[in-house]
């Protein structure tokens, strides 16, 4: 068994490699942990490998805010320096420091 180290951490601001959205990570799965139906719904040519970290994001695009589940291979560090305006950011994080969000103690496992 290969142990994979997640490239990103809770509080990191990231953007999607293909689609126009960005967000802040609020949870990390060491490998795929969603339904087979969800995975099969992704077009085959874009379907990510399951044997990599997957990230739960408070995500946003120009139109809306939502929760996203994204594979590590499809994320890049967001270098814009802009805060994430998702309405739930304050539920998980106390603020930003050095370009990362600081997790609330109540969510720190």
PDB file of N, CA and C in Angstrom:
ATOM      1  N   UNK A   1       0.846  -1.187   0.000  1.00  0.00           N
ATOM      2  CA  UNK A   1       0.000   0.000   0.000  1.00  0.00           C
ATOM      3  C   UNK A   1       0.886   1.243   0.000  1.00  0.00           C
ATOM      4  N   UNK A   2       0.593   2.173  -0.874  1.00  0.00           N
ATOM      5  CA  UNK A   2       1.332   3.424  -0.955  1.00  0.00           C
ATOM      6  C   UNK A   2       0.618   4.482  -0.131  1.00  0.00           C
ATOM      7  N   UNK A   3       1.363   5.150   0.736  1.00  0.00           N
ATOM      8  CA  UNK A   3       0.790   6.231   1.516  1.00  0.00           C
ATOM      9  C   UNK A   3       0.990   7.522   0.745  1.00  0.00           C
ATOM     10  N   UNK A   4      -0.094   8.225   0.500  1.00  0.00           N
ATOM     11  CA  UNK A   4      -0.033   9.486  -0.237  1.00  0.00           C
ATOM     12  C   UNK A   4      -0.158  10.634   0.740  1.00  0.00           C
ATOM     13  N   UNK A   5       0.684  11.611   0.553  1.00  0.00           N
ATOM     14  CA  UNK A   5       0.614  12.822   1.362  1.00  0.00           C
ATOM     15  C   UNK A   5      -0.176  13.862   0.576  1.00  0.00           C
ATOM     16  N   UNK A   6      -1.197  14.423   1.206  1.00  0.00           N
ATOM     17  CA  UNK A   6      -2.024  15.429   0.541  1.00  0.00           C
ATOM     18  C   UNK A   6      -1.182  16.669   0.231  1.00  0.00           C
ATOM     19  N   UNK A   7      -1.321  17.158  -0.972  1.00  0.00           N
ATOM     20  CA  UNK A   7      -0.594  18.348  -1.425  1.00  0.00           C
ATOM     21  C   UNK A   7      -1.137  19.614  -0.758  1.00  0.00           C
ATOM     22  N   UNK A   8      -2.442  19.628  -0.493  1.00  0.00           N
ATOM     23  CA  UNK A   8      -3.100  20.793   0.096  1.00  0.00           C
ATOM     24  C   UNK A   8      -3.608  20.451   1.493  1.00  0.00           C
ATOM     25  N   UNK A   9      -3.863  21.498   2.283  1.00  0.00           N
ATOM     26  CA  UNK A   9      -4.323  21.317   3.655  1.00  0.00           C
ATOM     27  C   UNK A   9      -5.606  22.097   3.886  1.00  0.00           C
ATOM     28  N   UNK A  10      -6.289  21.760   4.983  1.00  0.00           N
ATOM     29  CA  UNK A  10      -7.471  22.517   5.379  1.00  0.00           C
ATOM     30  C   UNK A  10      -7.070  23.977   5.546  1.00  0.00           C
ATOM     31  N   UNK A  11      -7.875  24.868   4.952  1.00  0.00           N
ATOM     32  CA  UNK A  11      -7.599  26.300   5.004  1.00  0.00           C
ATOM     33  C   UNK A  11      -6.927  26.839   3.756  1.00  0.00           C
ATOM     34  N   UNK A  12      -6.383  25.960   2.915  1.00  0.00           N
ATOM     35  CA  UNK A  12      -5.751  26.420   1.668  1.00  0.00           C
ATOM     36  C   UNK A  12      -6.815  26.906   0.685  1.00  0.00           C
ATOM     37  N   UNK A  13      -6.471  27.955  -0.040  1.00  0.00           N
ATOM     38  CA  UNK A  13      -7.354  28.474  -1.097  1.00  0.00           C
ATOM     39  C   UNK A  13      -6.844  27.912  -2.417  1.00  0.00           C
ATOM     40  N   UNK A  14      -7.739  27.273  -3.143  1.00  0.00           N
ATOM     41  CA  UNK A  14      -7.376  26.586  -4.381  1.00  0.00           C
ATOM     42  C   UNK A  14      -8.345  26.972  -5.503  1.00  0.00           C
ATOM     43  N   UNK A  15      -7.952  26.623  -6.706  1.00  0.00           N
ATOM     44  CA  UNK A  15      -8.834  26.802  -7.858  1.00  0.00           C
ATOM     45  C   UNK A  15      -8.805  25.527  -8.681  1.00  0.00           C
ATOM     46  N   UNK A  16      -9.876  25.332  -9.452  1.00  0.00           N
ATOM     47  CA  UNK A  16      -9.978  24.136 -10.285  1.00  0.00           C
ATOM     48  C   UNK A  16      -9.133  24.317 -11.537  1.00  0.00           C
ATOM     49  N   UNK A  17      -8.466  23.257 -11.929  1.00  0.00           N
ATOM     50  CA  UNK A  17      -7.583  23.277 -13.099  1.00  0.00           C
ATOM     51  C   UNK A  17      -8.350  23.469 -14.410  1.00  0.00           C
ATOM     52  N   UNK A  18      -9.596  22.962 -14.489  1.00  0.00           N
ATOM     53  CA  UNK A  18     -10.370  22.990 -15.734  1.00  0.00           C
ATOM     54  C   UNK A  18     -11.537  23.969 -15.655  1.00  0.00           C
ATOM     55  N   UNK A  19     -12.291  23.896 -14.579  1.00  0.00           N
ATOM     56  CA  UNK A  19     -13.513  24.703 -14.454  1.00  0.00           C
ATOM     57  C   UNK A  19     -13.249  25.994 -13.696  1.00  0.00           C
ATOM     58  N   UNK A  20     -14.045  27.018 -13.986  1.00  0.00           N
ATOM     59  CA  UNK A  20     -13.830  28.357 -13.423  1.00  0.00           C
ATOM     60  C   UNK A  20     -14.454  28.496 -12.043  1.00  0.00           C
ATOM     61  N   UNK A  21     -13.855  27.809 -11.058  1.00  0.00           N
ATOM     62  CA  UNK A  21     -14.271  28.044  -9.677  1.00  0.00           C
ATOM     63  C   UNK A  21     -13.076  27.908  -8.757  1.00  0.00           C
ATOM     64  N   UNK A  22     -13.223  28.503  -7.585  1.00  0.00           N
ATOM     65  CA  UNK A  22     -12.176  28.465  -6.566  1.00  0.00           C
ATOM     66  C   UNK A  22     -12.836  28.249  -5.224  1.00  0.00           C
ATOM     67  N   UNK A  23     -12.051  27.966  -4.207  1.00  0.00           N
ATOM     68  CA  UNK A  23     -12.633  27.768  -2.891  1.00  0.00           C
ATOM     69  C   UNK A  23     -11.584  27.519  -1.835  1.00  0.00           C
ATOM     70  N   UNK A  24     -12.078  27.315  -0.614  1.00  0.00           N
ATOM     71  CA  UNK A  24     -11.213  27.010   0.524  1.00  0.00           C
ATOM     72  C   UNK A  24     -11.505  25.584   0.980  1.00  0.00           C
ATOM     73  N   UNK A  25     -10.438  24.831   1.261  1.00  0.00           N
ATOM     74  CA  UNK A  25     -10.566  23.438   1.682  1.00  0.00           C
ATOM     75  C   UNK A  25     -11.017  23.379   3.138  1.00  0.00           C
ATOM     76  N   UNK A  26     -12.095  22.606   3.402  1.00  0.00           N
ATOM     77  CA  UNK A  26     -12.539  22.431   4.783  1.00  0.00           C
ATOM     78  C   UNK A  26     -12.453  20.984   5.248  1.00  0.00           C
ATOM     79  N   UNK A  27     -12.120  20.051   4.355  1.00  0.00           N
ATOM     80  CA  UNK A  27     -11.918  18.662   4.750  1.00  0.00           C
ATOM     81  C   UNK A  27     -11.127  17.963   3.647  1.00  0.00           C
ATOM     82  N   UNK A  28     -10.425  16.889   4.033  1.00  0.00           N
ATOM     83  CA  UNK A  28      -9.602  16.129   3.083  1.00  0.00           C
ATOM     84  C   UNK A  28      -9.863  14.650   3.293  1.00  0.00           C
ATOM     85  N   UNK A  29     -10.090  13.930   2.184  1.00  0.00           N
ATOM     86  CA  UNK A  29     -10.166  12.474   2.209  1.00  0.00           C
ATOM     87  C   UNK A  29      -8.866  11.948   1.604  1.00  0.00           C
ATOM     88  N   UNK A  30      -8.176  10.990   2.254  1.00  0.00           N
ATOM     89  CA  UNK A  30      -6.906  10.490   1.709  1.00  0.00           C
ATOM     90  C   UNK A  30      -7.056   9.827   0.335  1.00  0.00           C
ATOM     91  N   UNK A  31      -8.243   9.317   0.068  1.00  0.00           N
ATOM     92  CA  UNK A  31      -8.560   8.806  -1.268  1.00  0.00           C
ATOM     93  C   UNK A  31     -10.061   8.969  -1.471  1.00  0.00           C
ATOM     94  N   UNK A  32     -10.527   8.685  -2.673  1.00  0.00           N
ATOM     95  CA  UNK A  32     -11.933   8.876  -3.031  1.00  0.00           C
ATOM     96  C   UNK A  32     -12.862   8.261  -1.987  1.00  0.00           C
ATOM     97  N   UNK A  33     -13.855   9.041  -1.546  1.00  0.00           N
ATOM     98  CA  UNK A  33     -14.792   8.569  -0.526  1.00  0.00           C
ATOM     99  C   UNK A  33     -16.194   9.123  -0.799  1.00  0.00           C
ATOM    100  N   UNK A  34     -16.596   9.079  -2.038  1.00  0.00           N
ATOM    101  CA  UNK A  34     -17.933   9.513  -2.428  1.00  0.00           C
ATOM    102  C   UNK A  34     -18.618   8.304  -3.064  1.00  0.00           C
ATOM    103  N   UNK A  35     -19.792   8.487  -3.621  1.00  0.00           N
ATOM    104  CA  UNK A  35     -20.524   7.351  -4.194  1.00  0.00           C
ATOM    105  C   UNK A  35     -20.000   6.988  -5.581  1.00  0.00           C
ATOM    106  N   UNK A  36     -20.182   5.747  -5.945  1.00  0.00           N
ATOM    107  CA  UNK A  36     -19.821   5.291  -7.285  1.00  0.00           C
ATOM    108  C   UNK A  36     -20.650   6.044  -8.333  1.00  0.00           C
ATOM    109  N   UNK A  37     -21.910   6.307  -8.001  1.00  0.00           N
ATOM    110  CA  UNK A  37     -22.791   7.055  -8.907  1.00  0.00           C
ATOM    111  C   UNK A  37     -22.213   8.450  -9.194  1.00  0.00           C
ATOM    112  N   UNK A  38     -21.723   9.131  -8.149  1.00  0.00           N
ATOM    113  CA  UNK A  38     -21.114  10.455  -8.324  1.00  0.00           C
ATOM    114  C   UNK A  38     -19.918  10.346  -9.257  1.00  0.00           C
ATOM    115  N   UNK A  39     -19.051   9.357  -9.014  1.00  0.00           N
ATOM    116  CA  UNK A  39     -17.835   9.192  -9.815  1.00  0.00           C
ATOM    117  C   UNK A  39     -18.180   8.881 -11.280  1.00  0.00           C
ATOM    118  N   UNK A  40     -19.165   8.019 -11.490  1.00  0.00           N
ATOM    119  CA  UNK A  40     -19.577   7.644 -12.849  1.00  0.00           C
ATOM    120  C   UNK A  40     -20.228   8.810 -13.591  1.00  0.00           C
ATOM    121  N   UNK A  41     -20.762   9.803 -12.851  1.00  0.00           N
ATOM    122  CA  UNK A  41     -21.417  10.945 -13.501  1.00  0.00           C
ATOM    123  C   UNK A  41     -20.421  11.905 -14.146  1.00  0.00           C
ATOM    124  N   UNK A  42     -19.141  11.748 -13.823  1.00  0.00           N
ATOM    125  CA  UNK A  42     -18.102  12.600 -14.416  1.00  0.00           C
ATOM    126  C   UNK A  42     -17.774  12.051 -15.807  1.00  0.00           C
ATOM    127  N   UNK A  43     -17.712  12.911 -16.827  1.00  0.00           N
ATOM    128  CA  UNK A  43     -17.358  12.409 -18.170  1.00  0.00           C
ATOM    129  C   UNK A  43     -16.060  11.597 -18.114  1.00  0.00           C
ATOM    130  N   UNK A  44     -16.052  10.460 -18.789  1.00  0.00           N
ATOM    131  CA  UNK A  44     -14.935   9.519 -18.691  1.00  0.00           C
ATOM    132  C   UNK A  44     -13.583  10.170 -18.993  1.00  0.00           C
ATOM    133  N   UNK A  45     -13.540  11.068 -19.959  1.00  0.00           N
ATOM    134  CA  UNK A  45     -12.256  11.690 -20.309  1.00  0.00           C
ATOM    135  C   UNK A  45     -11.768  12.676 -19.235  1.00  0.00           C
ATOM    136  N   UNK A  46     -12.651  13.059 -18.301  1.00  0.00           N
ATOM    137  CA  UNK A  46     -12.279  13.962 -17.205  1.00  0.00           C
ATOM    138  C   UNK A  46     -12.281  13.268 -15.850  1.00  0.00           C
ATOM    139  N   UNK A  47     -12.681  12.006 -15.816  1.00  0.00           N
ATOM    140  CA  UNK A  47     -12.847  11.284 -14.544  1.00  0.00           C
ATOM    141  C   UNK A  47     -11.494  11.087 -13.864  1.00  0.00           C
ATOM    142  N   UNK A  48     -11.385  11.536 -12.611  1.00  0.00           N
ATOM    143  CA  UNK A  48     -10.101  11.416 -11.910  1.00  0.00           C
ATOM    144  C   UNK A  48      -9.872  10.014 -11.364  1.00  0.00           C
ATOM    145  N   UNK A  49      -8.618   9.703 -11.099  1.00  0.00           N
ATOM    146  CA  UNK A  49      -8.271   8.458 -10.418  1.00  0.00           C
ATOM    147  C   UNK A  49      -8.827   8.499  -8.996  1.00  0.00           C
ATOM    148  N   UNK A  50      -9.150   7.352  -8.445  1.00  0.00           N
ATOM    149  CA  UNK A  50      -9.678   7.285  -7.078  1.00  0.00           C
ATOM    150  C   UNK A  50      -8.572   7.219  -6.024  1.00  0.00           C
ATOM    151  N   UNK A  51      -7.376   6.845  -6.430  1.00  0.00           N
ATOM    152  CA  UNK A  51      -6.279   6.606  -5.479  1.00  0.00           C
ATOM    153  C   UNK A  51      -5.446   7.863  -5.207  1.00  0.00           C
ATOM    154  N   UNK A  52      -6.125   8.947  -4.901  1.00  0.00           N
ATOM    155  CA  UNK A  52      -5.460  10.205  -4.609  1.00  0.00           C
ATOM    156  C   UNK A  52      -6.316  10.965  -3.600  1.00  0.00           C
ATOM    157  N   UNK A  53      -5.744  11.966  -2.941  1.00  0.00           N
ATOM    158  CA  UNK A  53      -6.569  12.764  -2.028  1.00  0.00           C
ATOM    159  C   UNK A  53      -7.694  13.490  -2.772  1.00  0.00           C
ATOM    160  N   UNK A  54      -8.837  13.597  -2.092  1.00  0.00           N
ATOM    161  CA  UNK A  54      -9.979  14.380  -2.575  1.00  0.00           C
ATOM    162  C   UNK A  54     -10.288  15.421  -1.518  1.00  0.00           C
ATOM    163  N   UNK A  55     -10.708  16.591  -1.967  1.00  0.00           N
ATOM    164  CA  UNK A  55     -10.878  17.735  -1.091  1.00  0.00           C
ATOM    165  C   UNK A  55     -12.323  18.237  -1.113  1.00  0.00           C
ATOM    166  N   UNK A  56     -12.822  18.596   0.070  1.00  0.00           N
ATOM    167  CA  UNK A  56     -14.130  19.221   0.219  1.00  0.00           C
ATOM    168  C   UNK A  56     -13.889  20.730   0.251  1.00  0.00           C
ATOM    169  N   UNK A  57     -14.529  21.453  -0.657  1.00  0.00           N
ATOM    170  CA  UNK A  57     -14.311  22.896  -0.766  1.00  0.00           C
ATOM    171  C   UNK A  57     -15.587  23.680  -0.510  1.00  0.00           C
ATOM    172  N   UNK A  58     -15.428  24.825   0.144  1.00  0.00           N
ATOM    173  CA  UNK A  58     -16.453  25.865   0.110  1.00  0.00           C
ATOM    174  C   UNK A  58     -16.130  26.615  -1.170  1.00  0.00           C
ATOM    175  N   UNK A  59     -16.858  26.306  -2.222  1.00  0.00           N
ATOM    176  CA  UNK A  59     -16.508  26.758  -3.565  1.00  0.00           C
ATOM    177  C   UNK A  59     -17.384  27.907  -4.033  1.00  0.00           C
ATOM    178  N   UNK A  60     -16.861  28.637  -5.013  1.00  0.00           N
ATOM    179  CA  UNK A  60     -17.617  29.744  -5.609  1.00  0.00           C
ATOM    180  C   UNK A  60     -17.144  29.963  -7.037  1.00  0.00           C
ATOM    181  N   UNK A  61     -18.092  30.455  -7.843  1.00  0.00           N
ATOM    182  CA  UNK A  61     -17.754  30.940  -9.171  1.00  0.00           C
ATOM    183  C   UNK A  61     -18.390  32.323  -9.299  1.00  0.00           C
ATOM    184  N   UNK A  62     -18.454  32.866 -10.492  1.00  0.00           N
ATOM    185  CA  UNK A  62     -19.012  34.210 -10.663  1.00  0.00           C
ATOM    186  C   UNK A  62     -20.498  34.295 -10.340  1.00  0.00           C
ATOM    187  N   UNK A  63     -21.189  33.152 -10.315  1.00  0.00           N
ATOM    188  CA  UNK A  63     -22.641  33.145 -10.158  1.00  0.00           C
ATOM    189  C   UNK A  63     -23.156  32.663  -8.807  1.00  0.00           C
ATOM    190  N   UNK A  64     -22.432  31.754  -8.159  1.00  0.00           N
ATOM    191  CA  UNK A  64     -22.996  31.107  -6.978  1.00  0.00           C
ATOM    192  C   UNK A  64     -21.923  30.546  -6.061  1.00  0.00           C
ATOM    193  N   UNK A  65     -22.341  30.132  -4.877  1.00  0.00           N
ATOM    194  CA  UNK A  65     -21.488  29.435  -3.912  1.00  0.00           C
ATOM    195  C   UNK A  65     -22.060  28.041  -3.694  1.00  0.00           C
ATOM    196  N   UNK A  66     -21.199  27.076  -3.437  1.00  0.00           N
ATOM    197  CA  UNK A  66     -21.644  25.695  -3.271  1.00  0.00           C
ATOM    198  C   UNK A  66     -20.535  24.882  -2.620  1.00  0.00           C
ATOM    199  N   UNK A  67     -20.821  23.626  -2.311  1.00  0.00           N
ATOM    200  CA  UNK A  67     -19.831  22.684  -1.794  1.00  0.00           C
ATOM    201  C   UNK A  67     -19.346  21.849  -2.972  1.00  0.00           C
ATOM    202  N   UNK A  68     -18.040  21.706  -3.110  1.00  0.00           N
ATOM    203  CA  UNK A  68     -17.468  20.904  -4.195  1.00  0.00           C
ATOM    204  C   UNK A  68     -16.605  19.791  -3.608  1.00  0.00           C
ATOM    205  N   UNK A  69     -16.490  18.712  -4.344  1.00  0.00           N
ATOM    206  CA  UNK A  69     -15.640  17.569  -3.986  1.00  0.00           C
ATOM    207  C   UNK A  69     -14.700  17.366  -5.156  1.00  0.00           C
ATOM    208  N   UNK A  70     -13.405  17.604  -4.962  1.00  0.00           N
ATOM    209  CA  UNK A  70     -12.476  17.688  -6.093  1.00  0.00           C
ATOM    210  C   UNK A  70     -11.219  16.864  -5.838  1.00  0.00           C
ATOM    211  N   UNK A  71     -10.764  16.173  -6.869  1.00  0.00           N
ATOM    212  CA  UNK A  71      -9.535  15.382  -6.778  1.00  0.00           C
ATOM    213  C   UNK A  71      -8.312  16.296  -6.773  1.00  0.00           C
ATOM    214  N   UNK A  72      -7.249  15.806  -6.145  1.00  0.00           N
ATOM    215  CA  UNK A  72      -6.018  16.595  -6.081  1.00  0.00           C
ATOM    216  C   UNK A  72      -5.499  16.955  -7.471  1.00  0.00           C
ATOM    217  N   UNK A  73      -5.600  16.025  -8.436  1.00  0.00           N
ATOM    218  CA  UNK A  73      -5.072  16.282  -9.771  1.00  0.00           C
ATOM    219  C   UNK A  73      -5.763  17.462 -10.460  1.00  0.00           C
ATOM    220  N   UNK A  74      -6.948  17.839  -9.985  1.00  0.00           N
ATOM    221  CA  UNK A  74      -7.684  18.936 -10.616  1.00  0.00           C
ATOM    222  C   UNK A  74      -7.603  20.255  -9.854  1.00  0.00           C
ATOM    223  N   UNK A  75      -6.731  20.334  -8.857  1.00  0.00           N
ATOM    224  CA  UNK A  75      -6.614  21.570  -8.095  1.00  0.00           C
ATOM    225  C   UNK A  75      -5.246  22.216  -8.252  1.00  0.00           C
ATOM    226  N   UNK A  76      -5.270  23.534  -8.230  1.00  0.00           N
ATOM    227  CA  UNK A  76      -4.060  24.351  -8.223  1.00  0.00           C
ATOM    228  C   UNK A  76      -4.180  25.350  -7.084  1.00  0.00           C
ATOM    229  N   UNK A  77      -3.064  25.747  -6.532  1.00  0.00           N
ATOM    230  CA  UNK A  77      -3.088  26.783  -5.494  1.00  0.00           C
ATOM    231  C   UNK A  77      -3.594  28.085  -6.118  1.00  0.00           C
ATOM    232  N   UNK A  78      -4.508  28.760  -5.437  1.00  0.00           N
ATOM    233  CA  UNK A  78      -5.023  30.046  -5.917  1.00  0.00           C
ATOM    234  C   UNK A  78      -4.042  31.128  -5.457  1.00  0.00           C
ATOM    235  N   UNK A  79      -3.473  31.836  -6.401  1.00  0.00           N
ATOM    236  CA  UNK A  79      -2.470  32.863  -6.096  1.00  0.00           C
ATOM    237  C   UNK A  79      -3.048  34.268  -6.154  1.00  0.00           C
ATOM    238  N   UNK A  80      -4.372  34.396  -6.239  1.00  0.00           N
ATOM    239  CA  UNK A  80      -4.984  35.715  -6.419  1.00  0.00           C
ATOM    240  C   UNK A  80      -4.892  36.586  -5.163  1.00  0.00           C
ATOM    241  N   UNK A  81      -4.792  35.965  -4.002  1.00  0.00           N
ATOM    242  CA  UNK A  81      -4.768  36.722  -2.751  1.00  0.00           C
ATOM    243  C   UNK A  81      -6.139  37.196  -2.298  1.00  0.00           C
ATOM    244  N   UNK A  82      -7.178  36.887  -3.070  1.00  0.00           N
ATOM    245  CA  UNK A  82      -8.538  37.321  -2.728  1.00  0.00           C
ATOM    246  C   UNK A  82      -9.167  36.365  -1.715  1.00  0.00           C
ATOM    247  N   UNK A  83      -9.977  36.903  -0.794  1.00  0.00           N
ATOM    248  CA  UNK A  83     -10.689  36.016   0.129  1.00  0.00           C
ATOM    249  C   UNK A  83     -11.777  35.235  -0.607  1.00  0.00           C
ATOM    250  N   UNK A  84     -12.210  34.146   0.005  1.00  0.00           N
ATOM    251  CA  UNK A  84     -13.327  33.368  -0.513  1.00  0.00           C
ATOM    252  C   UNK A  84     -14.589  33.933   0.135  1.00  0.00           C
ATOM    253  N   UNK A  85     -15.594  34.255  -0.666  1.00  0.00           N
ATOM    254  CA  UNK A  85     -16.795  34.909  -0.144  1.00  0.00           C
ATOM    255  C   UNK A  85     -17.956  33.947   0.109  1.00  0.00           C
ATOM    256  N   UNK A  86     -17.686  32.645   0.129  1.00  0.00           N
ATOM    257  CA  UNK A  86     -18.724  31.646   0.409  1.00  0.00           C
ATOM    258  C   UNK A  86     -19.375  31.972   1.759  1.00  0.00           C
ATOM    259  N   UNK A  87     -20.719  31.933   1.856  1.00  0.00           N
ATOM    260  CA  UNK A  87     -21.393  32.321   3.095  1.00  0.00           C
ATOM    261  C   UNK A  87     -21.066  31.440   4.303  1.00  0.00           C
ATOM    262  N   UNK A  88     -20.527  30.248   4.116  1.00  0.00           N
ATOM    263  CA  UNK A  88     -20.216  29.361   5.233  1.00  0.00           C
ATOM    264  C   UNK A  88     -18.767  29.470   5.720  1.00  0.00           C
ATOM    265  N   UNK A  89     -17.960  30.326   5.127  1.00  0.00           N
ATOM    266  CA  UNK A  89     -16.560  30.445   5.538  1.00  0.00           C
ATOM    267  C   UNK A  89     -16.449  30.692   7.039  1.00  0.00           C
ATOM    268  N   UNK A  90     -17.281  31.580   7.582  1.00  0.00           N
ATOM    269  CA  UNK A  90     -17.238  31.899   9.000  1.00  0.00           C
ATOM    270  C   UNK A  90     -17.644  30.753   9.904  1.00  0.00           C
ATOM    271  N   UNK A  91     -18.357  29.752   9.358  1.00  0.00           N
ATOM    272  CA  UNK A  91     -18.737  28.588  10.150  1.00  0.00           C
ATOM    273  C   UNK A  91     -17.533  27.680  10.435  1.00  0.00           C
ATOM    274  N   UNK A  92     -16.574  27.662   9.521  1.00  0.00           N
ATOM    275  CA  UNK A  92     -15.425  26.765   9.608  1.00  0.00           C
ATOM    276  C   UNK A  92     -14.130  27.457  10.029  1.00  0.00           C
ATOM    277  N   UNK A  93     -14.020  28.747   9.695  1.00  0.00           N
ATOM    278  CA  UNK A  93     -12.745  29.443   9.860  1.00  0.00           C
ATOM    279  C   UNK A  93     -12.921  30.748  10.635  1.00  0.00           C
ATOM    280  N   UNK A  94     -11.849  31.153  11.347  1.00  0.00           N
ATOM    281  CA  UNK A  94     -11.891  32.386  12.143  1.00  0.00           C
ATOM    282  C   UNK A  94     -11.362  33.592  11.361  1.00  0.00           C
ATOM    283  N   UNK A  95     -10.613  33.365  10.302  1.00  0.00           N
ATOM    284  CA  UNK A  95     -10.037  34.452   9.520  1.00  0.00           C
ATOM    285  C   UNK A  95      -8.913  33.903   8.651  1.00  0.00           C
ATOM    286  N   UNK A  96      -8.144  34.823   8.070  1.00  0.00           N
ATOM    287  CA  UNK A  96      -7.029  34.420   7.204  1.00  0.00           C
ATOM    288  C   UNK A  96      -5.720  34.908   7.797  1.00  0.00           C
ATOM    289  N   UNK A  97      -4.666  34.119   7.539  1.00  0.00           N
ATOM    290  CA  UNK A  97      -3.326  34.494   7.960  1.00  0.00           C
ATOM    291  C   UNK A  97      -2.350  33.909   6.946  1.00  0.00           C
ATOM    292  N   UNK A  98      -1.479  34.749   6.410  1.00  0.00           N
ATOM    293  CA  UNK A  98      -0.486  34.303   5.422  1.00  0.00           C
ATOM    294  C   UNK A  98      -1.137  33.575   4.239  1.00  0.00           C
ATOM    295  N   UNK A  99      -2.290  34.066   3.783  1.00  0.00           N
ATOM    296  CA  UNK A  99      -2.939  33.504   2.604  1.00  0.00           C
ATOM    297  C   UNK A  99      -3.728  32.233   2.841  1.00  0.00           C
ATOM    298  N   UNK A 100      -3.844  31.791   4.086  1.00  0.00           N
ATOM    299  CA  UNK A 100      -4.608  30.584   4.413  1.00  0.00           C
ATOM    300  C   UNK A 100      -5.655  30.928   5.448  1.00  0.00           C
ATOM    301  N   UNK A 101      -6.735  30.165   5.443  1.00  0.00           N
ATOM    302  CA  UNK A 101      -7.766  30.332   6.457  1.00  0.00           C
ATOM    303  C   UNK A 101      -7.388  29.541   7.706  1.00  0.00           C
ATOM    304  N   UNK A 102      -7.734  30.080   8.864  1.00  0.00           N
ATOM    305  CA  UNK A 102      -7.455  29.439  10.146  1.00  0.00           C
ATOM    306  C   UNK A 102      -8.719  28.714  10.606  1.00  0.00           C
ATOM    307  N   UNK A 103      -8.600  27.397  10.811  1.00  0.00           N
ATOM    308  CA  UNK A 103      -9.755  26.572  11.178  1.00  0.00           C
ATOM    309  C   UNK A 103     -10.230  26.915  12.592  1.00  0.00           C
ATOM    310  N   UNK A 104     -11.532  26.942  12.780  1.00  0.00           N
ATOM    311  CA  UNK A 104     -12.104  27.124  14.122  1.00  0.00           C
ATOM    312  C   UNK A 104     -11.766  25.890  14.960  1.00  0.00           C
ATOM    313  N   UNK A 105     -11.492  26.078  16.219  1.00  0.00           N
ATOM    314  CA  UNK A 105     -11.165  24.959  17.109  1.00  0.00           C
ATOM    315  C   UNK A 105     -12.258  23.894  17.120  1.00  0.00           C
ATOM    316  N   UNK A 106     -13.512  24.303  17.010  1.00  0.00           N
ATOM    317  CA  UNK A 106     -14.615  23.337  17.054  1.00  0.00           C
ATOM    318  C   UNK A 106     -14.603  22.404  15.853  1.00  0.00           C
ATOM    319  N   UNK A 107     -13.918  22.761  14.773  1.00  0.00           N
ATOM    320  CA  UNK A 107     -13.841  21.897  13.584  1.00  0.00           C
ATOM    321  C   UNK A 107     -12.515  21.181  13.471  1.00  0.00           C
ATOM    322  N   UNK A 108     -11.588  21.463  14.358  1.00  0.00           N
ATOM    323  CA  UNK A 108     -10.277  20.831  14.308  1.00  0.00           C
ATOM    324  C   UNK A 108     -10.343  19.459  14.950  1.00  0.00           C
ATOM    325  N   UNK A 109     -10.218  18.411  14.129  1.00  0.00           N
ATOM    326  CA  UNK A 109     -10.346  17.044  14.654  1.00  0.00           C
ATOM    327  C   UNK A 109      -9.074  16.622  15.332  1.00  0.00           C
TER     328      UNK A 109
END
